[in-house]
Every structure is written in C-alpha cells, then in structure tokens.
N, C-alpha and C. Protein backbone atom coordinates (compact mmCIF):
# COMPACT_ATOMS: atom_id res chain seq x y z
N MET A 1 0.82 -1.20 0.00
CA MET A 1 0.00 0.00 0.00
C MET A 1 0.86 1.26 0.00
N ALA A 2 1.95 1.23 0.76
CA ALA A 2 2.83 2.40 0.83
C ALA A 2 3.52 2.63 -0.50
N GLU A 3 3.84 1.56 -1.21
CA GLU A 3 4.49 1.71 -2.51
C GLU A 3 3.56 2.40 -3.51
N ARG A 4 2.28 2.07 -3.47
CA ARG A 4 1.32 2.67 -4.40
C ARG A 4 1.16 4.16 -4.11
N ALA A 5 1.11 4.55 -2.84
CA ALA A 5 1.00 5.96 -2.48
C ALA A 5 2.27 6.71 -2.84
N GLU A 6 3.41 6.05 -2.65
CA GLU A 6 4.69 6.66 -3.00
C GLU A 6 4.79 6.86 -4.51
N MET A 7 4.34 5.86 -5.28
CA MET A 7 4.38 5.96 -6.73
C MET A 7 3.41 7.03 -7.21
N SER A 8 2.28 7.15 -6.53
CA SER A 8 1.30 8.18 -6.89
C SER A 8 1.86 9.57 -6.69
N SER A 9 2.56 9.78 -5.57
CA SER A 9 3.13 11.10 -5.32
C SER A 9 4.28 11.41 -6.26
N SER A 10 5.07 10.42 -6.61
CA SER A 10 6.16 10.67 -7.56
C SER A 10 5.61 10.94 -8.95
N ALA A 11 4.52 10.29 -9.33
CA ALA A 11 3.89 10.56 -10.63
C ALA A 11 3.32 11.97 -10.64
N PHE A 12 2.75 12.41 -9.52
CA PHE A 12 2.20 13.77 -9.40
C PHE A 12 3.32 14.81 -9.53
N ILE A 13 4.44 14.56 -8.87
CA ILE A 13 5.58 15.49 -8.93
C ILE A 13 6.14 15.54 -10.34
N LEU A 14 6.24 14.39 -11.00
CA LEU A 14 6.73 14.36 -12.38
C LEU A 14 5.79 15.11 -13.31
N GLY A 15 4.49 15.04 -13.04
CA GLY A 15 3.53 15.78 -13.85
C GLY A 15 3.70 17.28 -13.71
N ILE A 16 3.89 17.74 -12.48
CA ILE A 16 4.11 19.17 -12.26
C ILE A 16 5.42 19.61 -12.91
N LEU A 17 6.46 18.81 -12.75
CA LEU A 17 7.75 19.16 -13.36
C LEU A 17 7.66 19.18 -14.89
N SER A 18 6.89 18.27 -15.46
CA SER A 18 6.78 18.26 -16.92
C SER A 18 6.06 19.51 -17.42
N ILE A 19 5.10 20.02 -16.65
CA ILE A 19 4.43 21.26 -17.05
C ILE A 19 5.40 22.44 -16.96
N VAL A 20 6.17 22.50 -15.88
CA VAL A 20 7.11 23.61 -15.70
C VAL A 20 8.22 23.56 -16.75
N PHE A 21 8.78 22.37 -16.97
CA PHE A 21 9.88 22.24 -17.92
C PHE A 21 9.42 22.41 -19.36
N ALA A 22 8.13 22.28 -19.64
CA ALA A 22 7.64 22.42 -21.02
C ALA A 22 7.95 23.80 -21.58
N PHE A 23 8.00 24.82 -20.71
CA PHE A 23 8.26 26.17 -21.17
C PHE A 23 9.74 26.44 -21.42
N PHE A 24 10.63 25.68 -20.80
CA PHE A 24 12.07 25.95 -20.91
C PHE A 24 12.82 24.84 -21.63
N GLN A 25 12.50 23.60 -21.32
CA GLN A 25 13.16 22.44 -21.92
C GLN A 25 12.09 21.44 -22.35
N PRO A 26 11.49 21.63 -23.52
CA PRO A 26 10.37 20.77 -23.89
C PRO A 26 10.74 19.30 -24.08
N PHE A 27 11.97 19.00 -24.48
CA PHE A 27 12.35 17.59 -24.63
C PHE A 27 12.44 16.89 -23.28
N ALA A 28 13.00 17.58 -22.29
CA ALA A 28 13.05 17.02 -20.95
C ALA A 28 11.65 16.88 -20.38
N ALA A 29 10.78 17.83 -20.66
CA ALA A 29 9.40 17.76 -20.19
C ALA A 29 8.67 16.58 -20.79
N LEU A 30 8.95 16.30 -22.05
CA LEU A 30 8.31 15.17 -22.71
C LEU A 30 8.72 13.86 -22.04
N VAL A 31 10.00 13.73 -21.74
CA VAL A 31 10.49 12.51 -21.06
C VAL A 31 9.88 12.39 -19.67
N LEU A 32 9.87 13.50 -18.91
CA LEU A 32 9.30 13.47 -17.57
C LEU A 32 7.81 13.15 -17.61
N GLY A 33 7.11 13.70 -18.59
CA GLY A 33 5.68 13.44 -18.71
C GLY A 33 5.38 11.99 -19.04
N ILE A 34 6.18 11.40 -19.91
CA ILE A 34 5.96 10.00 -20.28
C ILE A 34 6.25 9.08 -19.09
N ILE A 35 7.34 9.34 -18.39
CA ILE A 35 7.67 8.53 -17.21
C ILE A 35 6.58 8.68 -16.15
N GLY A 36 6.14 9.92 -15.91
CA GLY A 36 5.08 10.14 -14.94
C GLY A 36 3.77 9.50 -15.34
N LEU A 37 3.46 9.49 -16.65
CA LEU A 37 2.24 8.87 -17.13
C LEU A 37 2.26 7.36 -16.88
N MET A 38 3.41 6.74 -17.12
CA MET A 38 3.52 5.30 -16.85
C MET A 38 3.36 5.01 -15.36
N GLN A 39 3.94 5.85 -14.51
CA GLN A 39 3.81 5.64 -13.07
C GLN A 39 2.39 5.90 -12.59
N SER A 40 1.72 6.88 -13.19
CA SER A 40 0.35 7.16 -12.76
C SER A 40 -0.60 6.05 -13.19
N LYS A 41 -0.31 5.40 -14.30
CA LYS A 41 -1.13 4.25 -14.71
C LYS A 41 -0.96 3.09 -13.74
N LYS A 42 0.28 2.89 -13.26
CA LYS A 42 0.52 1.81 -12.30
C LYS A 42 -0.13 2.10 -10.95
N SER A 43 -0.11 3.36 -10.53
CA SER A 43 -0.65 3.70 -9.22
C SER A 43 -2.16 3.97 -9.27
N GLY A 44 -2.69 4.28 -10.44
CA GLY A 44 -4.11 4.54 -10.58
C GLY A 44 -4.51 5.95 -10.20
N SER A 45 -3.58 6.86 -10.12
CA SER A 45 -3.87 8.23 -9.74
C SER A 45 -4.35 9.02 -10.95
N GLN A 46 -5.60 9.45 -10.92
CA GLN A 46 -6.16 10.20 -12.04
C GLN A 46 -5.65 11.63 -12.08
N LYS A 47 -5.43 12.23 -10.92
CA LYS A 47 -4.95 13.61 -10.87
C LYS A 47 -3.53 13.70 -11.45
N ALA A 48 -2.67 12.76 -11.09
CA ALA A 48 -1.32 12.74 -11.63
C ALA A 48 -1.34 12.47 -13.13
N ARG A 49 -2.27 11.62 -13.56
CA ARG A 49 -2.39 11.32 -14.99
C ARG A 49 -2.74 12.58 -15.78
N LYS A 50 -3.65 13.39 -15.26
CA LYS A 50 -4.04 14.63 -15.94
C LYS A 50 -2.86 15.59 -16.05
N PHE A 51 -2.10 15.75 -14.96
CA PHE A 51 -0.95 16.64 -15.00
C PHE A 51 0.09 16.16 -16.01
N ASN A 52 0.31 14.86 -16.07
CA ASN A 52 1.30 14.33 -17.02
C ASN A 52 0.84 14.49 -18.46
N ILE A 53 -0.44 14.30 -18.72
CA ILE A 53 -0.95 14.50 -20.08
C ILE A 53 -0.83 15.96 -20.49
N ILE A 54 -1.15 16.88 -19.56
CA ILE A 54 -1.00 18.30 -19.84
C ILE A 54 0.46 18.63 -20.15
N GLY A 55 1.39 18.07 -19.37
CA GLY A 55 2.82 18.30 -19.59
C GLY A 55 3.28 17.77 -20.94
N ILE A 56 2.79 16.60 -21.32
CA ILE A 56 3.16 16.02 -22.61
C ILE A 56 2.63 16.88 -23.76
N VAL A 57 1.38 17.30 -23.67
CA VAL A 57 0.79 18.11 -24.73
C VAL A 57 1.51 19.45 -24.85
N LEU A 58 1.78 20.10 -23.71
CA LEU A 58 2.50 21.38 -23.75
C LEU A 58 3.89 21.22 -24.35
N SER A 59 4.58 20.16 -23.98
CA SER A 59 5.94 19.97 -24.50
C SER A 59 5.91 19.71 -26.01
N ILE A 60 4.92 18.97 -26.49
CA ILE A 60 4.82 18.74 -27.93
C ILE A 60 4.52 20.05 -28.65
N ILE A 61 3.64 20.87 -28.08
CA ILE A 61 3.33 22.17 -28.69
C ILE A 61 4.58 23.05 -28.76
N PHE A 62 5.34 23.09 -27.67
CA PHE A 62 6.53 23.94 -27.67
C PHE A 62 7.65 23.37 -28.54
N ILE A 63 7.71 22.07 -28.70
CA ILE A 63 8.68 21.48 -29.64
C ILE A 63 8.33 21.90 -31.07
N ILE A 64 7.05 21.86 -31.41
CA ILE A 64 6.61 22.27 -32.75
C ILE A 64 6.89 23.75 -32.97
N ILE A 65 6.58 24.58 -31.98
CA ILE A 65 6.84 26.02 -32.09
C ILE A 65 8.33 26.28 -32.27
N SER A 66 9.18 25.58 -31.51
CA SER A 66 10.63 25.75 -31.64
C SER A 66 11.11 25.34 -33.02
N ALA A 67 10.56 24.24 -33.55
CA ALA A 67 10.97 23.78 -34.87
C ALA A 67 10.58 24.79 -35.95
N VAL A 68 9.39 25.37 -35.82
CA VAL A 68 8.95 26.38 -36.80
C VAL A 68 9.82 27.62 -36.72
N ILE A 69 10.12 28.07 -35.52
CA ILE A 69 10.99 29.25 -35.36
C ILE A 69 12.37 28.97 -35.92
N PHE A 70 12.90 27.78 -35.65
CA PHE A 70 14.21 27.40 -36.17
C PHE A 70 14.21 27.36 -37.69
N ALA A 71 13.16 26.78 -38.27
CA ALA A 71 13.09 26.67 -39.74
C ALA A 71 12.95 28.04 -40.39
N THR A 72 12.16 28.92 -39.79
CA THR A 72 12.01 30.25 -40.38
C THR A 72 13.28 31.07 -40.22
N SER A 73 14.01 30.86 -39.14
CA SER A 73 15.28 31.59 -39.00
C SER A 73 16.31 31.09 -40.00
N LEU A 74 16.29 29.79 -40.28
CA LEU A 74 17.18 29.27 -41.31
C LEU A 74 16.80 29.81 -42.69
N ALA A 75 15.53 29.88 -42.95
CA ALA A 75 15.07 30.40 -44.25
C ALA A 75 15.44 31.87 -44.39
N GLY A 76 15.37 32.61 -43.31
CA GLY A 76 15.75 34.02 -43.37
C GLY A 76 17.23 34.20 -43.59
N ASN A 77 18.05 33.35 -43.02
CA ASN A 77 19.50 33.45 -43.19
C ASN A 77 19.95 33.01 -44.57
N PHE A 78 19.26 32.05 -45.17
CA PHE A 78 19.64 31.59 -46.48
C PHE A 78 19.03 32.44 -47.59
N GLY A 79 18.21 33.41 -47.24
CA GLY A 79 17.60 34.27 -48.25
C GLY A 79 18.61 35.05 -49.03
N GLY A 80 19.71 35.46 -48.39
CA GLY A 80 20.74 36.20 -49.08
C GLY A 80 21.60 35.31 -49.99
N LEU A 81 21.70 34.04 -49.65
CA LEU A 81 22.50 33.12 -50.46
C LEU A 81 21.77 32.67 -51.70
N PHE A 82 20.46 32.54 -51.61
CA PHE A 82 19.68 32.06 -52.73
C PHE A 82 18.60 33.11 -53.06
N PRO A 83 18.95 34.12 -53.82
CA PRO A 83 17.94 35.14 -54.14
C PRO A 83 16.86 34.58 -55.05
N SER A 84 15.65 35.07 -54.87
CA SER A 84 14.55 34.61 -55.71
C SER A 84 14.59 35.36 -57.04
N PHE A 85 14.17 34.69 -58.09
CA PHE A 85 14.19 35.28 -59.42
C PHE A 85 12.85 35.78 -59.80
C-alpha cells in the first residue's frame, strides 16, 4: 500500500515538473511526462495522470513552435545566399 502511495506522489511530482519544464526544456518535459504517465497508470492516480498528459501536450506544442521558429530563422539566413528570381 505504501508503494502505491509513494508511486502516486512521484507521478504527481513528475507531472508538475513536466508542465514547468515544457516552457524551458520541452524535450526534458516530454520525457518526464511519459515517465510520470507510466507511473500514474501503475498507481491509478487520475490527478497525476491529468498533469502528465498536460505536460506532454504542452511539450509537444513547444517542440513544434521551436521547430517552426528554427526553420524560419534558417530560411531568413539563407535568403541572401539564394535570391529569388
């Protein structure tokens, strides 16, 4: 019984960390969210599961935003090398 409560609290903490890290380190947040989601499924904690899903979704959104910003910055830098006709 103590192991289940301990796993539930660690899944909850991982969910909160994945939400916080999503804004600064989205790849780390994705990993933390996935690990927390697996632990929340084992412990049966619905609240921790919600936090982990929110963290995973936020990290995926910020990864996509970062990729778009990176791609547009590359396109802007290569604009001088390849002028349009």
